[in-house]
Amino acid sequence: MRASLLQIAVDPDESVDSRRQRVAALVRQQRGAGLVVLPELWPMGAFAYESFADEAEPLDGPTFEAMSEAARDAGVWLHAGSVVERAASGSGTLYNTSLVISPAGELVRAYRKIHRFGFDKGEATLMGAGDELVTVTLPETTIGLATCYDLRFPELFRGLIDAGAELLVVPAGWPARRRAHWTLLTRARAVENQAYVLACATAGSHAGVEQSGHSLVVDPWGEVLAEAGTGEEVLTVEIDPAKVAITREQFPVLKDRLLGLEPPRR
């Protein structure tokens, strides 16, 4: 299975609509990939808080429309990164929502980011929190969805593994000043869950916050199969979904879990 991670540069001088069209063209170039992944909030930037309300859109909004057409043209499964979603009902709450689109251009699943970054400001105060773990079954494997700051919460990934995920997809807008954590946590989530991790970051700068780049593909043993640099880049790698089952059979650490499971009956 070929996976392509599109590490998109966010340039404040480029309009959101122009970036959508440019990224759609990049997606169309990935024909033959089994899965294409985009970063978190690439249309406006994960730290461009002042733009969230203005750029918010419904699930079937302009970003979905552009990515749906591109996925259909390329014939690929597309994790379209995330958008600022404005909920269609209720108070119009904003969410950081990832979209998974089929080769037919259909929205298969959406994941609302559970852990919001910012503590008492930014995303943590401007957006609602998701409350559902989301997996998607592709022809070759089952993927589990997480977003950026979620990477710091291992219990989320355990839940995805228990739901059948073998490949963990993590789009992010990760700051360059914490790049070491990005690499460390990505590999840790792969090792402890014996799963592939596809971690797709942004390049450039979001509202003056330099981005880490260094998108990664990590195998179930924790080996880095491919790593991007700091600029815009398409990272493409062949992965073998069967390696997950092989790793878990040869080193069956997950079978020894005791915490977080139902207590044994006496």
Protein backbone atom coordinates (compact mmCIF):
# COMPACT_ATOMS: atom_id res chain seq x y z
CA MET A 1 0.00 0.00 0.00
CA ARG A 2 1.43 3.33 -1.01
CA ALA A 3 0.86 6.25 1.35
CA SER A 4 1.52 9.88 0.47
CA LEU A 5 1.78 12.60 3.10
CA LEU A 6 1.42 16.12 1.73
CA GLN A 7 3.37 18.46 4.02
CA ILE A 8 1.72 21.75 3.03
CA ALA A 9 3.40 25.12 3.57
CA VAL A 10 1.09 27.78 4.96
CA ASP A 11 2.00 31.20 3.58
CA PRO A 12 0.05 34.13 5.08
CA ASP A 13 0.24 35.92 1.73
CA GLU A 14 -1.62 33.09 -0.03
CA SER A 15 -5.40 33.21 0.15
CA VAL A 16 -7.32 30.27 1.57
CA ASP A 17 -9.07 29.68 -1.74
CA SER A 18 -5.78 29.73 -3.66
CA ARG A 19 -4.32 27.23 -1.22
CA ARG A 20 -7.33 24.95 -1.64
CA GLN A 21 -6.85 24.89 -5.39
CA ARG A 22 -3.10 24.36 -5.11
CA VAL A 23 -3.52 21.48 -2.65
CA ALA A 24 -6.24 19.93 -4.82
CA ALA A 25 -3.75 19.88 -7.69
CA LEU A 26 -1.20 18.13 -5.46
CA VAL A 27 -3.79 15.52 -4.46
CA ARG A 28 -4.55 14.83 -8.13
CA GLN A 29 -0.86 14.04 -8.66
CA GLN A 30 -1.06 11.15 -6.18
CA ARG A 31 -2.90 8.73 -8.48
CA GLY A 32 -1.96 5.18 -7.53
CA ALA A 33 -1.63 5.87 -3.80
CA GLY A 34 -3.71 3.83 -1.40
CA LEU A 35 -4.00 6.71 1.06
CA VAL A 36 -3.19 10.42 0.85
CA VAL A 37 -2.94 12.50 4.04
CA LEU A 38 -3.06 16.28 4.55
CA PRO A 39 -2.13 18.25 7.70
CA GLU A 40 -4.24 19.87 10.40
CA LEU A 41 -6.07 23.12 9.54
CA TRP A 42 -3.96 23.68 6.44
CA PRO A 43 -6.47 26.06 4.80
CA MET A 44 -5.74 28.89 7.27
CA GLY A 45 -3.16 27.56 9.76
CA ALA A 46 -3.61 25.92 13.16
CA PHE A 47 -2.49 29.03 15.06
CA ALA A 48 -4.47 31.58 13.03
CA TYR A 49 -7.06 31.83 15.78
CA GLU A 50 -8.42 35.17 14.60
CA SER A 51 -9.45 33.52 11.30
CA PHE A 52 -11.31 30.55 12.76
CA ALA A 53 -14.76 32.12 12.88
CA ASP A 54 -14.46 33.75 9.45
CA GLU A 55 -13.14 30.59 7.77
CA ALA A 56 -15.48 28.13 9.52
CA GLU A 57 -17.49 25.96 7.16
CA PRO A 58 -19.96 23.07 7.23
CA LEU A 59 -18.73 19.54 6.59
CA ASP A 60 -19.83 19.84 2.96
CA GLY A 61 -18.26 23.28 2.57
CA PRO A 62 -15.68 24.56 0.08
CA THR A 63 -12.75 22.55 1.44
CA PHE A 64 -14.70 19.31 1.21
CA GLU A 65 -15.92 20.19 -2.27
CA ALA A 66 -12.39 20.84 -3.54
CA MET A 67 -10.91 17.76 -1.86
CA SER A 68 -13.80 15.52 -2.88
CA GLU A 69 -13.30 16.39 -6.54
CA ALA A 70 -9.53 15.90 -6.25
CA ALA A 71 -9.88 12.51 -4.52
CA ARG A 72 -12.32 11.36 -7.19
CA ASP A 73 -10.06 12.53 -10.00
CA ALA A 74 -7.03 10.76 -8.47
CA GLY A 75 -8.99 7.67 -7.38
CA VAL A 76 -7.51 7.75 -3.87
CA TRP A 77 -8.62 7.51 -0.28
CA LEU A 78 -7.98 10.98 1.13
CA HIS A 79 -7.58 12.04 4.73
CA ALA A 80 -8.17 15.72 3.93
CA GLY A 81 -6.55 17.02 7.10
CA SER A 82 -8.86 19.13 9.23
CA VAL A 83 -11.06 22.19 8.81
CA VAL A 84 -12.76 24.58 11.18
CA GLU A 85 -16.25 23.10 11.19
CA ARG A 86 -19.24 25.16 12.21
CA ALA A 87 -21.86 22.78 13.56
CA ALA A 88 -25.05 22.84 11.52
CA SER A 89 -27.34 22.66 14.53
CA GLY A 90 -27.51 24.13 18.00
CA SER A 91 -25.28 27.08 18.86
CA GLY A 92 -23.06 26.79 15.79
CA THR A 93 -20.12 25.55 17.86
CA LEU A 94 -16.76 25.40 16.08
CA TYR A 95 -14.83 22.12 15.90
CA ASN A 96 -11.42 21.08 14.57
CA THR A 97 -12.73 18.35 12.29
CA SER A 98 -10.88 15.86 10.09
CA LEU A 99 -12.48 14.52 6.91
CA VAL A 100 -11.95 11.10 5.31
CA ILE A 101 -13.03 10.95 1.67
CA SER A 102 -13.41 7.84 -0.48
CA PRO A 103 -12.09 7.41 -4.05
CA ALA A 104 -15.66 8.10 -5.16
CA GLY A 105 -15.45 11.53 -3.53
CA GLU A 106 -17.82 10.67 -0.68
CA LEU A 107 -17.37 11.83 2.91
CA VAL A 108 -16.96 8.54 4.77
CA ARG A 109 -16.23 9.75 8.31
CA ALA A 110 -15.47 12.95 10.18
CA TYR A 111 -13.47 13.16 13.42
CA ARG A 112 -13.83 16.09 15.81
CA LYS A 113 -10.55 16.62 17.66
CA ILE A 114 -10.96 15.55 21.27
CA HIS A 115 -8.00 17.28 22.93
CA ARG A 116 -7.88 21.01 22.15
CA PHE A 117 -4.59 22.84 22.53
CA GLY A 118 -4.07 26.18 24.22
CA PHE A 119 -4.89 25.62 27.90
CA ASP A 120 -6.89 28.81 28.63
CA LYS A 121 -6.63 30.46 25.22
CA GLY A 122 -6.72 29.77 21.46
CA GLU A 123 -8.22 26.52 20.25
CA ALA A 124 -9.08 25.42 23.80
CA THR A 125 -11.47 28.33 24.25
CA LEU A 126 -12.68 28.84 20.67
CA MET A 127 -13.63 25.27 19.78
CA GLY A 128 -15.74 22.49 21.18
CA ALA A 129 -14.28 19.09 22.02
CA GLY A 130 -15.13 15.94 20.12
CA ASP A 131 -16.35 12.94 22.10
CA GLU A 132 -16.01 9.99 19.72
CA LEU A 133 -13.15 7.73 18.72
CA VAL A 134 -13.21 7.22 14.96
CA THR A 135 -11.84 4.41 12.81
CA VAL A 136 -12.27 3.88 9.07
CA THR A 137 -11.90 0.56 7.27
CA LEU A 138 -10.02 0.81 3.98
CA PRO A 139 -9.56 -2.10 1.55
CA GLU A 140 -6.05 -2.82 2.90
CA THR A 141 -6.32 -1.87 6.59
CA THR A 142 -8.24 -0.03 9.31
CA ILE A 143 -7.09 3.46 10.21
CA GLY A 144 -7.59 5.29 13.50
CA LEU A 145 -7.96 9.07 13.53
CA ALA A 146 -6.27 11.55 15.86
CA THR A 147 -5.17 15.18 15.48
CA CYS A 148 -2.02 17.00 16.64
CA TYR A 149 -2.33 17.60 20.43
CA ASP A 150 -4.12 14.22 20.70
CA LEU A 151 -0.65 12.72 20.23
CA ARG A 152 0.13 13.51 23.88
CA PHE A 153 -2.71 11.33 25.19
CA PRO A 154 -1.84 7.63 24.82
CA GLU A 155 -5.18 6.40 26.13
CA LEU A 156 -6.86 7.74 22.97
CA PHE A 157 -4.61 5.55 20.83
CA ARG A 158 -5.23 2.51 23.01
CA GLY A 159 -8.92 3.04 22.37
CA LEU A 160 -8.33 3.18 18.62
CA ILE A 161 -6.31 -0.03 18.72
CA ASP A 162 -9.05 -1.75 20.72
CA ALA A 163 -11.47 -0.62 18.00
CA GLY A 164 -9.37 -2.43 15.38
CA ALA A 165 -7.00 0.26 14.08
CA GLU A 166 -3.73 -0.94 12.56
CA LEU A 167 -2.62 2.38 11.08
CA LEU A 168 -2.84 5.62 13.07
CA VAL A 169 -3.19 8.86 11.09
CA VAL A 170 -2.19 12.09 12.83
CA PRO A 171 -2.45 15.39 10.91
CA ALA A 172 -0.86 18.26 12.79
CA GLY A 173 0.13 21.91 12.92
CA TRP A 174 3.04 21.28 15.31
CA PRO A 175 5.35 24.16 16.35
CA ALA A 176 9.01 23.96 15.41
CA ARG A 177 10.09 24.73 18.99
CA ARG A 178 8.65 21.38 20.13
CA ARG A 179 9.85 19.33 17.15
CA ALA A 180 11.74 16.90 19.42
CA HIS A 181 8.46 16.01 21.15
CA TRP A 182 6.80 15.45 17.77
CA THR A 183 9.33 12.83 16.74
CA LEU A 184 9.47 11.19 20.15
CA LEU A 185 5.71 10.93 20.65
CA THR A 186 5.07 9.72 17.11
CA ARG A 187 7.52 6.84 17.54
CA ALA A 188 6.19 6.08 21.02
CA ARG A 189 2.61 5.73 19.77
CA ALA A 190 3.83 3.31 17.09
CA VAL A 191 5.89 1.19 19.49
CA GLU A 192 3.37 0.93 22.31
CA ASN A 193 0.49 0.09 19.96
CA GLN A 194 2.47 -1.97 17.43
CA ALA A 195 0.88 0.00 14.62
CA TYR A 196 1.94 2.18 11.73
CA VAL A 197 1.79 5.92 12.40
CA LEU A 198 1.38 8.40 9.55
CA ALA A 199 2.04 11.83 11.05
CA CYS A 200 1.53 14.68 8.58
CA ALA A 201 2.64 18.16 9.68
CA THR A 202 2.61 21.58 8.08
CA ALA A 203 5.52 23.71 6.94
CA GLY A 204 5.74 27.49 6.83
CA SER A 205 4.34 29.74 9.53
CA HIS A 206 0.89 30.02 11.14
CA ALA A 207 0.21 33.50 12.52
CA GLY A 208 3.92 33.92 13.21
CA VAL A 209 4.38 30.44 14.72
CA GLU A 210 7.07 28.53 12.83
CA GLN A 211 5.95 25.00 11.96
CA SER A 212 7.94 21.85 12.57
CA GLY A 213 7.60 20.08 9.25
CA HIS A 214 9.28 16.66 9.58
CA SER A 215 6.24 14.57 8.70
CA LEU A 216 6.90 10.94 9.57
CA VAL A 217 5.93 7.42 8.61
CA VAL A 218 6.76 5.00 11.44
CA ASP A 219 6.35 1.22 11.32
CA PRO A 220 4.94 -1.04 14.08
CA TRP A 221 8.45 -1.65 15.48
CA GLY A 222 9.08 2.09 15.82
CA GLU A 223 11.40 2.41 12.83
CA VAL A 224 11.12 5.63 10.85
CA LEU A 225 10.46 4.62 7.25
CA ALA A 226 10.43 8.15 5.87
CA GLU A 227 10.80 11.67 7.21
CA ALA A 228 10.28 15.00 5.49
CA GLY A 229 12.37 18.13 5.89
CA THR A 230 11.12 21.55 6.97
CA GLY A 231 9.67 22.82 3.69
CA GLU A 232 6.68 21.84 1.60
CA GLU A 233 7.15 18.25 0.50
CA VAL A 234 5.32 15.14 -0.64
CA LEU A 235 6.46 12.17 1.42
CA THR A 236 5.65 8.84 -0.26
CA VAL A 237 6.35 5.40 1.18
CA GLU A 238 5.26 1.81 0.61
CA ILE A 239 3.88 0.15 3.73
CA ASP A 240 2.86 -3.45 4.35
CA PRO A 241 -0.33 -3.67 6.46
CA ALA A 242 0.42 -7.34 7.16
CA LYS A 243 3.44 -6.25 9.21
CA VAL A 244 1.12 -5.17 12.03
CA ALA A 245 -0.18 -8.69 12.65
CA ILE A 246 3.30 -10.15 12.23
CA THR A 247 4.79 -7.75 14.78
CA ARG A 248 2.01 -8.40 17.28
CA GLU A 249 2.42 -12.16 16.87
CA GLN A 250 6.22 -12.19 17.15
CA PHE A 251 6.28 -9.82 20.14
CA PRO A 252 2.82 -10.18 21.75
CA VAL A 253 3.11 -7.36 24.28
CA LEU A 254 -0.49 -6.24 23.84
CA LYS A 255 -1.69 -9.58 25.20
CA ASP A 256 -0.06 -8.76 28.55
CA ARG A 257 -2.13 -5.63 29.20
CA LEU A 258 -3.69 -5.59 32.64
CA LEU A 259 -4.75 -1.97 33.20
CA GLY A 260 -7.59 -0.35 31.34
CA LEU A 261 -9.28 -3.71 30.76
CA GLU A 262 -12.17 -5.35 32.54
CA PRO A 263 -10.92 -7.09 35.71
CA PRO A 264 -10.64 -10.88 35.46
CA ARG A 265 -13.52 -12.87 36.91
CA ARG A 266 -12.73 -14.79 40.07
